[in-house]
Amino acid sequence: MLNDNQTAITEVWIIGLQSFNGTRIFLFIIILAIYIVIVAGNMLVISLVIIKTNLHTPMYFFLSNLSSSELMFTTNIVPKFLQILWAKKSKISIIQCLTQFYICGSLAATECFLLTVMSYDRYVAICNPLHYNYFMSFRICYQLAAWCWICGFSSMLTTLILVCQLHFCGPNIIDHFFCDFAPILEISCSDISTVKLETFIFTSSVTLFPFIFIIGTYVYIILTILKIPSTTGRQKSFSTCSSHLTIVSIYYATLITVYVVPSRGKSNTINKILSLMYTIVTPLFNPIIYSLRNQGIKEAIVKASKMKH
């Protein structure tokens, strides 16, 4: 409930990276270049998986879903971030801010689930190859992918409803480069204990449980690979997992640090830099890592380039 001297705000200013104002034009150029690479790289992966029949396998199907998620995730954040860098700050309505927050959280959760399903796919392929076609049929793959998206967007609804019930009375400044959870709470004059508790439980569940599952599957994968008698066989088996394991390590390390580890003692600047890791760096690395370390993608790129010539 608002007090008499508190006025509800309908708009907020997002001030971005004020600590880097001296280099904001340089940052604008760098972030714009990265965004172009992210869009081009992920669109390339999605297009190749759709067009090339040799990539019509569960692993590449889930990879195209991951690229779609990354593409939407960065597009939800980066264009506004570029506007903030260009103009030093940017005004946004509370409704737009909450929408950006919901989409960001939903896509982050969806990516957690997709990475988990991808680890399960590698587990079945390496640890139970004789039953791979049964456990990873395209009907099952479509169902798994659909559930990743449904669970990702539905799991954020409770948090969104609780945040929407808060009263926002200022200051009308978001000290971040997008509408993240903590900066939104800072402009609320309501009791935030319930929403903080719910969000901690939600983020812990969405990040830690899938992460533990992924670690478990890779323990079995590594143990199985070590039993392969030939060195070539071991290298080939591990190469199919290395790209996914690299992305998982980068993504979860930053996500857990930002949202699960207590923020006490961390400065706003450190939080912003960590947020840049999973909002920009990971979506940039995904297509690059998969393109450079995945033989199927590399061959598809080479064939596509030869056809153009």
C-alpha atoms as a PDB file:
ATOM      1  CA  MET A   1       0.000   0.000   0.000  1.00  0.00           C
ATOM      2  CA  LEU A   2       1.355   3.416  -0.973  1.00  0.00           C
ATOM      3  CA  ASN A   3       1.692   6.103   1.668  1.00  0.00           C
ATOM      4  CA  ASP A   4       0.248   9.545   1.031  1.00  0.00           C
ATOM      5  CA  ASN A   5       3.676  10.955   0.200  1.00  0.00           C
ATOM      6  CA  GLN A   6       4.526   8.156  -2.219  1.00  0.00           C
ATOM      7  CA  THR A   7       3.562   8.433  -5.881  1.00  0.00           C
ATOM      8  CA  ALA A   8       3.335   5.372  -8.075  1.00  0.00           C
ATOM      9  CA  ILE A   9       5.748   5.503 -11.020  1.00  0.00           C
ATOM     10  CA  THR A  10       4.787   4.330 -14.495  1.00  0.00           C
ATOM     11  CA  GLU A  11       8.159   4.834 -16.208  1.00  0.00           C
ATOM     12  CA  VAL A  12      11.781   4.222 -15.286  1.00  0.00           C
ATOM     13  CA  TRP A  13      15.131   5.305 -16.632  1.00  0.00           C
ATOM     14  CA  ILE A  14      17.661   2.550 -17.369  1.00  0.00           C
ATOM     15  CA  ILE A  15      21.108   4.102 -16.957  1.00  0.00           C
ATOM     16  CA  GLY A  16      23.255   1.164 -18.085  1.00  0.00           C
ATOM     17  CA  LEU A  17      27.007   1.089 -17.430  1.00  0.00           C
ATOM     18  CA  GLN A  18      27.676   4.545 -15.961  1.00  0.00           C
ATOM     19  CA  SER A  19      31.108   3.423 -14.747  1.00  0.00           C
ATOM     20  CA  PHE A  20      32.116   3.112 -18.416  1.00  0.00           C
ATOM     21  CA  ASN A  21      30.654   6.407 -19.688  1.00  0.00           C
ATOM     22  CA  GLY A  22      34.074   7.506 -20.924  1.00  0.00           C
ATOM     23  CA  THR A  23      34.185   4.585 -23.347  1.00  0.00           C
ATOM     24  CA  ARG A  24      30.470   4.219 -24.110  1.00  0.00           C
ATOM     25  CA  ILE A  25      30.862   4.889 -27.879  1.00  0.00           C
ATOM     26  CA  PHE A  26      33.603   2.261 -28.045  1.00  0.00           C
ATOM     27  CA  LEU A  27      31.362  -0.128 -26.065  1.00  0.00           C
ATOM     28  CA  PHE A  28      28.461   0.669 -28.409  1.00  0.00           C
ATOM     29  CA  ILE A  29      30.529  -0.358 -31.433  1.00  0.00           C
ATOM     30  CA  ILE A  30      31.791  -3.531 -29.707  1.00  0.00           C
ATOM     31  CA  ILE A  31      28.326  -4.593 -28.459  1.00  0.00           C
ATOM     32  CA  LEU A  32      26.769  -3.839 -31.877  1.00  0.00           C
ATOM     33  CA  ALA A  33      29.432  -5.945 -33.610  1.00  0.00           C
ATOM     34  CA  ILE A  34      28.906  -8.790 -31.122  1.00  0.00           C
ATOM     35  CA  TYR A  35      25.131  -8.612 -31.598  1.00  0.00           C
ATOM     36  CA  ILE A  36      25.508  -8.838 -35.391  1.00  0.00           C
ATOM     37  CA  VAL A  37      27.756 -11.894 -34.978  1.00  0.00           C
ATOM     38  CA  ILE A  38      25.276 -13.465 -32.526  1.00  0.00           C
ATOM     39  CA  VAL A  39      22.352 -12.985 -34.923  1.00  0.00           C
ATOM     40  CA  ALA A  40      24.321 -14.160 -37.974  1.00  0.00           C
ATOM     41  CA  GLY A  41      25.893 -17.121 -36.165  1.00  0.00           C
ATOM     42  CA  ASN A  42      22.723 -18.447 -34.594  1.00  0.00           C
ATOM     43  CA  MET A  43      20.702 -17.879 -37.776  1.00  0.00           C
ATOM     44  CA  LEU A  44      23.372 -19.828 -39.675  1.00  0.00           C
ATOM     45  CA  VAL A  45      23.107 -22.767 -37.242  1.00  0.00           C
ATOM     46  CA  ILE A  46      19.279 -22.753 -37.414  1.00  0.00           C
ATOM     47  CA  SER A  47      19.293 -22.528 -41.237  1.00  0.00           C
ATOM     48  CA  LEU A  48      21.846 -25.321 -41.663  1.00  0.00           C
ATOM     49  CA  VAL A  49      19.931 -27.653 -39.334  1.00  0.00           C
ATOM     50  CA  ILE A  50      16.705 -27.006 -41.290  1.00  0.00           C
ATOM     51  CA  ILE A  51      18.214 -27.269 -44.781  1.00  0.00           C
ATOM     52  CA  LYS A  52      20.868 -29.982 -44.477  1.00  0.00           C
ATOM     53  CA  THR A  53      19.370 -33.484 -44.208  1.00  0.00           C
ATOM     54  CA  ASN A  54      22.541 -34.912 -42.633  1.00  0.00           C
ATOM     55  CA  LEU A  55      21.890 -32.589 -39.661  1.00  0.00           C
ATOM     56  CA  HIS A  56      18.387 -33.935 -39.079  1.00  0.00           C
ATOM     57  CA  THR A  57      19.421 -35.715 -35.894  1.00  0.00           C
ATOM     58  CA  PRO A  58      18.389 -35.170 -32.248  1.00  0.00           C
ATOM     59  CA  MET A  59      21.666 -33.440 -31.314  1.00  0.00           C
ATOM     60  CA  TYR A  60      21.337 -30.806 -34.047  1.00  0.00           C
ATOM     61  CA  PHE A  61      17.593 -30.473 -33.487  1.00  0.00           C
ATOM     62  CA  PHE A  62      18.226 -29.468 -29.871  1.00  0.00           C
ATOM     63  CA  LEU A  63      21.105 -27.257 -30.984  1.00  0.00           C
ATOM     64  CA  SER A  64      18.748 -25.344 -33.305  1.00  0.00           C
ATOM     65  CA  ASN A  65      16.342 -24.892 -30.381  1.00  0.00           C
ATOM     66  CA  LEU A  66      19.215 -23.585 -28.257  1.00  0.00           C
ATOM     67  CA  SER A  67      20.217 -21.146 -31.015  1.00  0.00           C
ATOM     68  CA  SER A  68      16.595 -19.957 -31.295  1.00  0.00           C
ATOM     69  CA  SER A  69      16.496 -19.361 -27.544  1.00  0.00           C
ATOM     70  CA  GLU A  70      19.798 -17.436 -27.640  1.00  0.00           C
ATOM     71  CA  LEU A  71      18.613 -15.353 -30.580  1.00  0.00           C
ATOM     72  CA  MET A  72      15.421 -14.293 -28.789  1.00  0.00           C
ATOM     73  CA  PHE A  73      17.256 -13.784 -25.500  1.00  0.00           C
ATOM     74  CA  THR A  74      19.805 -11.328 -26.884  1.00  0.00           C
ATOM     75  CA  THR A  75      17.232  -9.548 -29.059  1.00  0.00           C
ATOM     76  CA  ASN A  76      15.156  -8.973 -25.930  1.00  0.00           C
ATOM     77  CA  ILE A  77      18.083  -7.186 -24.239  1.00  0.00           C
ATOM     78  CA  VAL A  78      20.788  -5.932 -26.605  1.00  0.00           C
ATOM     79  CA  PRO A  79      18.870  -3.434 -28.847  1.00  0.00           C
ATOM     80  CA  LYS A  80      17.675  -1.560 -25.743  1.00  0.00           C
ATOM     81  CA  PHE A  81      21.178  -1.777 -24.293  1.00  0.00           C
ATOM     82  CA  LEU A  82      22.587  -0.200 -27.463  1.00  0.00           C
ATOM     83  CA  GLN A  83      20.046   2.613 -27.173  1.00  0.00           C
ATOM     84  CA  ILE A  84      21.160   3.194 -23.581  1.00  0.00           C
ATOM     85  CA  LEU A  85      24.828   3.299 -24.592  1.00  0.00           C
ATOM     86  CA  TRP A  86      24.089   5.756 -27.411  1.00  0.00           C
ATOM     87  CA  ALA A  87      21.942   8.126 -25.329  1.00  0.00           C
ATOM     88  CA  LYS A  88      23.555   7.432 -21.886  1.00  0.00           C
ATOM     89  CA  LYS A  89      20.151   6.348 -20.574  1.00  0.00           C
ATOM     90  CA  SER A  90      16.747   5.258 -21.851  1.00  0.00           C
ATOM     91  CA  LYS A  91      13.175   5.597 -20.620  1.00  0.00           C
ATOM     92  CA  ILE A  92      10.940   2.527 -20.463  1.00  0.00           C
ATOM     93  CA  SER A  93       7.468   1.962 -19.033  1.00  0.00           C
ATOM     94  CA  ILE A  94       6.981  -0.319 -16.033  1.00  0.00           C
ATOM     95  CA  ILE A  95       4.916  -2.675 -18.217  1.00  0.00           C
ATOM     96  CA  GLN A  96       7.696  -2.874 -20.832  1.00  0.00           C
ATOM     97  CA  CYS A  97      10.249  -3.363 -18.067  1.00  0.00           C
ATOM     98  CA  LEU A  98       8.310  -6.254 -16.533  1.00  0.00           C
ATOM     99  CA  THR A  99       7.771  -7.770 -19.983  1.00  0.00           C
ATOM    100  CA  GLN A 100      11.503  -7.689 -20.674  1.00  0.00           C
ATOM    101  CA  PHE A 101      12.138  -9.239 -17.233  1.00  0.00           C
ATOM    102  CA  TYR A 102       9.634 -12.048 -17.866  1.00  0.00           C
ATOM    103  CA  ILE A 103      10.953 -12.885 -21.342  1.00  0.00           C
ATOM    104  CA  CYS A 104      14.547 -12.798 -20.090  1.00  0.00           C
ATOM    105  CA  GLY A 105      13.813 -15.111 -17.142  1.00  0.00           C
ATOM    106  CA  SER A 106      11.690 -17.471 -19.236  1.00  0.00           C
ATOM    107  CA  LEU A 107      14.321 -17.856 -21.958  1.00  0.00           C
ATOM    108  CA  ALA A 108      17.073 -18.334 -19.353  1.00  0.00           C
ATOM    109  CA  ALA A 109      15.025 -21.144 -17.766  1.00  0.00           C
ATOM    110  CA  THR A 110      14.292 -22.618 -21.203  1.00  0.00           C
ATOM    111  CA  GLU A 111      18.001 -22.683 -21.989  1.00  0.00           C
ATOM    112  CA  CYS A 112      18.704 -24.480 -18.692  1.00  0.00           C
ATOM    113  CA  PHE A 113      16.189 -27.164 -19.671  1.00  0.00           C
ATOM    114  CA  LEU A 114      17.517 -27.413 -23.249  1.00  0.00           C
ATOM    115  CA  LEU A 115      21.095 -27.861 -22.022  1.00  0.00           C
ATOM    116  CA  THR A 116      19.833 -30.592 -19.682  1.00  0.00           C
ATOM    117  CA  VAL A 117      18.026 -32.415 -22.510  1.00  0.00           C
ATOM    118  CA  MET A 118      21.141 -32.107 -24.683  1.00  0.00           C
ATOM    119  CA  SER A 119      23.225 -33.773 -21.960  1.00  0.00           C
ATOM    120  CA  TYR A 120      20.659 -36.576 -21.775  1.00  0.00           C
ATOM    121  CA  ASP A 121      20.924 -36.988 -25.555  1.00  0.00           C
ATOM    122  CA  ARG A 122      24.720 -37.363 -25.299  1.00  0.00           C
ATOM    123  CA  TYR A 123      24.316 -39.769 -22.362  1.00  0.00           C
ATOM    124  CA  VAL A 124      22.009 -42.067 -24.349  1.00  0.00           C
ATOM    125  CA  ALA A 125      24.204 -41.842 -27.478  1.00  0.00           C
ATOM    126  CA  ILE A 126      27.381 -42.850 -25.655  1.00  0.00           C
ATOM    127  CA  CYS A 127      26.189 -44.973 -22.726  1.00  0.00           C
ATOM    128  CA  ASN A 128      23.277 -46.752 -24.410  1.00  0.00           C
ATOM    129  CA  PRO A 129      23.893 -46.523 -28.183  1.00  0.00           C
ATOM    130  CA  LEU A 130      21.951 -49.675 -29.103  1.00  0.00           C
ATOM    131  CA  HIS A 131      18.715 -48.138 -27.797  1.00  0.00           C
ATOM    132  CA  TYR A 132      19.444 -44.579 -28.987  1.00  0.00           C
ATOM    133  CA  ASN A 133      16.879 -44.568 -31.805  1.00  0.00           C
ATOM    134  CA  TYR A 134      14.223 -45.816 -29.383  1.00  0.00           C
ATOM    135  CA  PHE A 135      14.903 -43.369 -26.548  1.00  0.00           C
ATOM    136  CA  MET A 136      15.609 -40.404 -28.847  1.00  0.00           C
ATOM    137  CA  SER A 137      13.041 -40.864 -31.609  1.00  0.00           C
ATOM    138  CA  PHE A 138      11.911 -37.669 -33.286  1.00  0.00           C
ATOM    139  CA  ARG A 139       8.538 -37.902 -31.567  1.00  0.00           C
ATOM    140  CA  ILE A 140      10.271 -37.954 -28.181  1.00  0.00           C
ATOM    141  CA  CYS A 141      12.667 -35.171 -29.246  1.00  0.00           C
ATOM    142  CA  TYR A 142       9.792 -32.901 -30.274  1.00  0.00           C
ATOM    143  CA  GLN A 143       8.047 -33.610 -26.972  1.00  0.00           C
ATOM    144  CA  LEU A 144      11.211 -32.905 -24.955  1.00  0.00           C
ATOM    145  CA  ALA A 145      11.840 -29.633 -26.824  1.00  0.00           C
ATOM    146  CA  ALA A 146       8.200 -28.564 -26.399  1.00  0.00           C
ATOM    147  CA  TRP A 147       8.334 -29.270 -22.668  1.00  0.00           C
ATOM    148  CA  CYS A 148      11.552 -27.240 -22.365  1.00  0.00           C
ATOM    149  CA  TRP A 149       9.805 -24.183 -23.854  1.00  0.00           C
ATOM    150  CA  ILE A 150       6.527 -24.728 -21.962  1.00  0.00           C
ATOM    151  CA  CYS A 151       8.255 -25.259 -18.609  1.00  0.00           C
ATOM    152  CA  GLY A 152      10.592 -22.321 -19.206  1.00  0.00           C
ATOM    153  CA  PHE A 153       7.795 -19.816 -19.798  1.00  0.00           C
ATOM    154  CA  SER A 154       5.275 -21.255 -17.335  1.00  0.00           C
ATOM    155  CA  SER A 155       7.790 -21.534 -14.480  1.00  0.00           C
ATOM    156  CA  MET A 156       8.345 -17.750 -14.576  1.00  0.00           C
ATOM    157  CA  LEU A 157       4.624 -16.946 -14.258  1.00  0.00           C
ATOM    158  CA  THR A 158       4.554 -17.182 -10.446  1.00  0.00           C
ATOM    159  CA  THR A 159       7.501 -14.791 -10.155  1.00  0.00           C
ATOM    160  CA  LEU A 160       5.916 -12.404 -12.674  1.00  0.00           C
ATOM    161  CA  ILE A 161       2.585 -12.401 -10.817  1.00  0.00           C
ATOM    162  CA  LEU A 162       4.300 -11.662  -7.492  1.00  0.00           C
ATOM    163  CA  VAL A 163       6.411  -8.870  -9.015  1.00  0.00           C
ATOM    164  CA  CYS A 164       3.353  -7.346 -10.732  1.00  0.00           C
ATOM    165  CA  GLN A 165       1.617  -7.124  -7.339  1.00  0.00           C
ATOM    166  CA  LEU A 166       4.395  -4.885  -5.987  1.00  0.00           C
ATOM    167  CA  HIS A 167       3.949  -1.109  -5.799  1.00  0.00           C
ATOM    168  CA  PHE A 168       6.653   0.905  -7.544  1.00  0.00           C
ATOM    169  CA  CYS A 169       7.275   4.347  -6.116  1.00  0.00           C
ATOM    170  CA  GLY A 170      10.864   5.057  -6.966  1.00  0.00           C
ATOM    171  CA  PRO A 171      13.479   6.147  -7.395  1.00  0.00           C
ATOM    172  CA  ASN A 172      12.544   5.702 -11.046  1.00  0.00           C
ATOM    173  CA  ILE A 173      16.064   4.599 -12.014  1.00  0.00           C
ATOM    174  CA  ILE A 174      17.223   1.093 -12.976  1.00  0.00           C
ATOM    175  CA  ASP A 175      20.970   0.909 -12.315  1.00  0.00           C
ATOM    176  CA  HIS A 176      21.557  -1.843 -14.856  1.00  0.00           C
ATOM    177  CA  PHE A 177      21.532  -2.331 -18.635  1.00  0.00           C
ATOM    178  CA  PHE A 178      18.239  -4.266 -18.606  1.00  0.00           C
ATOM    179  CA  CYS A 179      15.286  -4.895 -16.292  1.00  0.00           C
ATOM    180  CA  ASP A 180      16.792  -7.583 -14.092  1.00  0.00           C
ATOM    181  CA  PHE A 181      15.207  -8.915 -10.892  1.00  0.00           C
ATOM    182  CA  ALA A 182      17.317  -7.115  -8.264  1.00  0.00           C
ATOM    183  CA  PRO A 183      17.117  -3.624  -9.873  1.00  0.00           C
ATOM    184  CA  ILE A 184      13.324  -3.996 -10.204  1.00  0.00           C
ATOM    185  CA  LEU A 185      13.004  -4.749  -6.484  1.00  0.00           C
ATOM    186  CA  GLU A 186      15.054  -1.635  -5.686  1.00  0.00           C
ATOM    187  CA  ILE A 187      12.326   0.636  -7.085  1.00  0.00           C
ATOM    188  CA  SER A 188       9.551  -1.093  -5.115  1.00  0.00           C
ATOM    189  CA  CYS A 189       8.153   0.290  -1.882  1.00  0.00           C
ATOM    190  CA  SER A 190       6.287  -2.934  -1.016  1.00  0.00           C
ATOM    191  CA  ASP A 191       7.320  -5.833   1.192  1.00  0.00           C
ATOM    192  CA  ILE A 192       9.588  -7.875  -1.090  1.00  0.00           C
ATOM    193  CA  SER A 193      10.403 -10.741   1.292  1.00  0.00           C
ATOM    194  CA  THR A 194       7.876 -13.149  -0.272  1.00  0.00           C
ATOM    195  CA  VAL A 195       8.934 -12.530  -3.870  1.00  0.00           C
ATOM    196  CA  LYS A 196      12.626 -12.770  -2.912  1.00  0.00           C
ATOM    197  CA  LEU A 197      12.064 -16.128  -1.202  1.00  0.00           C
ATOM    198  CA  GLU A 198      10.006 -17.482  -4.113  1.00  0.00           C
ATOM    199  CA  THR A 199      12.573 -16.305  -6.655  1.00  0.00           C
ATOM    200  CA  PHE A 200      15.458 -17.828  -4.706  1.00  0.00           C
ATOM    201  CA  ILE A 201      13.639 -21.181  -4.620  1.00  0.00           C
ATOM    202  CA  PHE A 202      12.747 -20.868  -8.314  1.00  0.00           C
ATOM    203  CA  THR A 203      16.241 -19.887  -9.525  1.00  0.00           C
ATOM    204  CA  SER A 204      17.889 -22.520  -7.333  1.00  0.00           C
ATOM    205  CA  SER A 205      15.560 -25.199  -8.726  1.00  0.00           C
ATOM    206  CA  VAL A 206      15.912 -24.135 -12.360  1.00  0.00           C
ATOM    207  CA  THR A 207      19.710 -23.805 -12.217  1.00  0.00           C
ATOM    208  CA  LEU A 208      21.003 -26.252  -9.602  1.00  0.00           C
ATOM    209  CA  PHE A 209      18.803 -29.313 -10.273  1.00  0.00           C
ATOM    210  CA  PRO A 210      19.458 -29.348 -14.044  1.00  0.00           C
ATOM    211  CA  PHE A 211      23.143 -28.620 -13.375  1.00  0.00           C
ATOM    212  CA  ILE A 212      23.373 -31.588 -10.968  1.00  0.00           C
ATOM    213  CA  PHE A 213      21.631 -33.771 -13.572  1.00  0.00           C
ATOM    214  CA  ILE A 214      24.117 -32.649 -16.245  1.00  0.00           C
ATOM    215  CA  ILE A 215      27.066 -33.399 -13.954  1.00  0.00           C
ATOM    216  CA  GLY A 216      25.590 -36.851 -13.243  1.00  0.00           C
ATOM    217  CA  THR A 217      25.183 -37.663 -16.933  1.00  0.00           C
ATOM    218  CA  TYR A 218      28.737 -36.557 -17.700  1.00  0.00           C
ATOM    219  CA  VAL A 219      30.141 -38.709 -14.891  1.00  0.00           C
ATOM    220  CA  TYR A 220      28.552 -41.711 -16.602  1.00  0.00           C
ATOM    221  CA  ILE A 221      29.654 -40.462 -20.027  1.00  0.00           C
ATOM    222  CA  ILE A 222      33.292 -40.036 -18.962  1.00  0.00           C
ATOM    223  CA  LEU A 223      33.343 -43.437 -17.236  1.00  0.00           C
ATOM    224  CA  THR A 224      31.933 -45.029 -20.404  1.00  0.00           C
ATOM    225  CA  ILE A 225      34.422 -43.215 -22.662  1.00  0.00           C
ATOM    226  CA  LEU A 226      37.354 -44.372 -20.506  1.00  0.00           C
ATOM    227  CA  LYS A 227      36.276 -47.980 -21.108  1.00  0.00           C
ATOM    228  CA  ILE A 228      36.607 -47.589 -24.891  1.00  0.00           C
ATOM    229  CA  PRO A 229      39.759 -49.529 -25.860  1.00  0.00           C
ATOM    230  CA  SER A 230      40.975 -47.379 -28.786  1.00  0.00           C
ATOM    231  CA  THR A 231      42.350 -43.868 -28.349  1.00  0.00           C
ATOM    232  CA  THR A 232      40.606 -42.759 -31.568  1.00  0.00           C
ATOM    233  CA  GLY A 233      37.278 -44.038 -30.265  1.00  0.00           C
ATOM    234  CA  ARG A 234      37.712 -42.183 -26.983  1.00  0.00           C
ATOM    235  CA  GLN A 235      38.618 -38.947 -28.759  1.00  0.00           C
ATOM    236  CA  LYS A 236      35.687 -39.215 -31.171  1.00  0.00           C
ATOM    237  CA  SER A 237      33.216 -39.912 -28.357  1.00  0.00           C
ATOM    238  CA  PHE A 238      34.459 -37.045 -26.217  1.00  0.00           C
ATOM    239  CA  SER A 239      34.547 -34.595 -29.148  1.00  0.00           C
ATOM    240  CA  THR A 240      30.762 -34.938 -29.514  1.00  0.00           C
ATOM    241  CA  CYS A 241      30.393 -33.759 -25.891  1.00  0.00           C
ATOM    242  CA  SER A 242      33.131 -31.138 -25.559  1.00  0.00           C
ATOM    243  CA  SER A 243      31.184 -28.293 -27.216  1.00  0.00           C
ATOM    244  CA  HIS A 244      28.141 -28.847 -25.022  1.00  0.00           C
ATOM    245  CA  LEU A 245      30.276 -29.173 -21.878  1.00  0.00           C
ATOM    246  CA  THR A 246      32.069 -25.888 -22.661  1.00  0.00           C
ATOM    247  CA  ILE A 247      28.786 -23.985 -23.071  1.00  0.00           C
ATOM    248  CA  VAL A 248      27.327 -25.554 -19.912  1.00  0.00           C
ATOM    249  CA  SER A 249      30.403 -24.517 -17.896  1.00  0.00           C
ATOM    250  CA  ILE A 250      30.301 -20.881 -19.058  1.00  0.00           C
ATOM    251  CA  TYR A 251      26.532 -20.483 -18.818  1.00  0.00           C
ATOM    252  CA  TYR A 252      25.921 -22.115 -15.456  1.00  0.00           C
ATOM    253  CA  ALA A 253      28.992 -20.594 -13.795  1.00  0.00           C
ATOM    254  CA  THR A 254      27.751 -17.055 -14.459  1.00  0.00           C
ATOM    255  CA  LEU A 255      24.056 -17.852 -13.878  1.00  0.00           C
ATOM    256  CA  ILE A 256      24.674 -19.472 -10.484  1.00  0.00           C
ATOM    257  CA  THR A 257      27.055 -16.663  -9.468  1.00  0.00           C
ATOM    258  CA  VAL A 258      24.519 -13.940 -10.324  1.00  0.00           C
ATOM    259  CA  TYR A 259      21.234 -15.465  -9.158  1.00  0.00           C
ATOM    260  CA  VAL A 260      21.956 -18.239  -6.643  1.00  0.00           C
ATOM    261  CA  VAL A 261      25.050 -17.121  -4.736  1.00  0.00           C
ATOM    262  CA  PRO A 262      24.115 -14.368  -2.187  1.00  0.00           C
ATOM    263  CA  SER A 263      24.731 -10.922  -3.685  1.00  0.00           C
ATOM    264  CA  ARG A 264      26.013  -9.414  -0.427  1.00  0.00           C
ATOM    265  CA  GLY A 265      29.518  -8.073  -0.990  1.00  0.00           C
ATOM    266  CA  LYS A 266      29.187  -7.940  -4.786  1.00  0.00           C
ATOM    267  CA  SER A 267      29.189  -4.470  -6.324  1.00  0.00           C
ATOM    268  CA  ASN A 268      26.711  -3.381  -8.993  1.00  0.00           C
ATOM    269  CA  THR A 269      29.570  -3.195 -11.498  1.00  0.00           C
ATOM    270  CA  ILE A 270      30.570  -6.825 -10.852  1.00  0.00           C
ATOM    271  CA  ASN A 271      26.925  -7.932 -11.199  1.00  0.00           C
ATOM    272  CA  LYS A 272      26.655  -6.070 -14.496  1.00  0.00           C
ATOM    273  CA  ILE A 273      29.848  -7.661 -15.845  1.00  0.00           C
ATOM    274  CA  LEU A 274      28.640 -11.118 -14.792  1.00  0.00           C
ATOM    275  CA  SER A 275      25.284 -10.404 -16.441  1.00  0.00           C
ATOM    276  CA  LEU A 276      27.106  -9.473 -19.647  1.00  0.00           C
ATOM    277  CA  MET A 277      28.664 -12.941 -19.593  1.00  0.00           C
ATOM    278  CA  TYR A 278      25.407 -14.863 -19.951  1.00  0.00           C
ATOM    279  CA  THR A 279      23.443 -12.231 -21.908  1.00  0.00           C
ATOM    280  CA  ILE A 280      26.085 -11.521 -24.576  1.00  0.00           C
ATOM    281  CA  VAL A 281      29.210 -13.681 -24.255  1.00  0.00           C
ATOM    282  CA  THR A 282      27.489 -17.091 -24.052  1.00  0.00           C
ATOM    283  CA  PRO A 283      25.153 -16.415 -27.039  1.00  0.00           C
ATOM    284  CA  LEU A 284      28.272 -15.292 -28.947  1.00  0.00           C
ATOM    285  CA  PHE A 285      30.274 -18.402 -28.023  1.00  0.00           C
ATOM    286  CA  ASN A 286      27.498 -20.924 -28.730  1.00  0.00           C
ATOM    287  CA  PRO A 287      27.548 -20.805 -32.554  1.00  0.00           C
ATOM    288  CA  ILE A 288      31.316 -20.242 -32.649  1.00  0.00           C
ATOM    289  CA  ILE A 289      32.130 -23.201 -30.392  1.00  0.00           C
ATOM    290  CA  TYR A 290      29.661 -25.515 -32.104  1.00  0.00           C
ATOM    291  CA  SER A 291      30.837 -24.424 -35.549  1.00  0.00           C
ATOM    292  CA  LEU A 292      34.532 -24.844 -34.819  1.00  0.00           C
ATOM    293  CA  ARG A 293      34.329 -28.035 -32.733  1.00  0.00           C
ATOM    294  CA  ASN A 294      31.490 -29.873 -34.430  1.00  0.00           C
ATOM    295  CA  GLN A 295      32.341 -31.833 -37.549  1.00  0.00           C
ATOM    296  CA  GLY A 296      28.760 -31.960 -38.846  1.00  0.00           C
ATOM    297  CA  ILE A 297      28.326 -28.176 -38.696  1.00  0.00           C
ATOM    298  CA  LYS A 298      31.767 -27.563 -40.244  1.00  0.00           C
ATOM    299  CA  GLU A 299      31.024 -29.913 -43.143  1.00  0.00           C
ATOM    300  CA  ALA A 300      27.624 -28.279 -43.716  1.00  0.00           C
ATOM    301  CA  ILE A 301      29.246 -24.814 -43.794  1.00  0.00           C
ATOM    302  CA  VAL A 302      31.907 -25.991 -46.268  1.00  0.00           C
ATOM    303  CA  LYS A 303      29.283 -27.595 -48.548  1.00  0.00           C
ATOM    304  CA  ALA A 304      27.090 -24.478 -48.388  1.00  0.00           C
ATOM    305  CA  SER A 305      30.029 -22.222 -49.302  1.00  0.00           C
ATOM    306  CA  LYS A 306      31.008 -24.483 -52.230  1.00  0.00           C
ATOM    307  CA  MET A 307      27.456 -24.407 -53.574  1.00  0.00           C
ATOM    308  CA  LYS A 308      27.545 -20.595 -53.616  1.00  0.00           C
ATOM    309  CA  HIS A 309      30.708 -20.658 -55.698  1.00  0.00           C
END
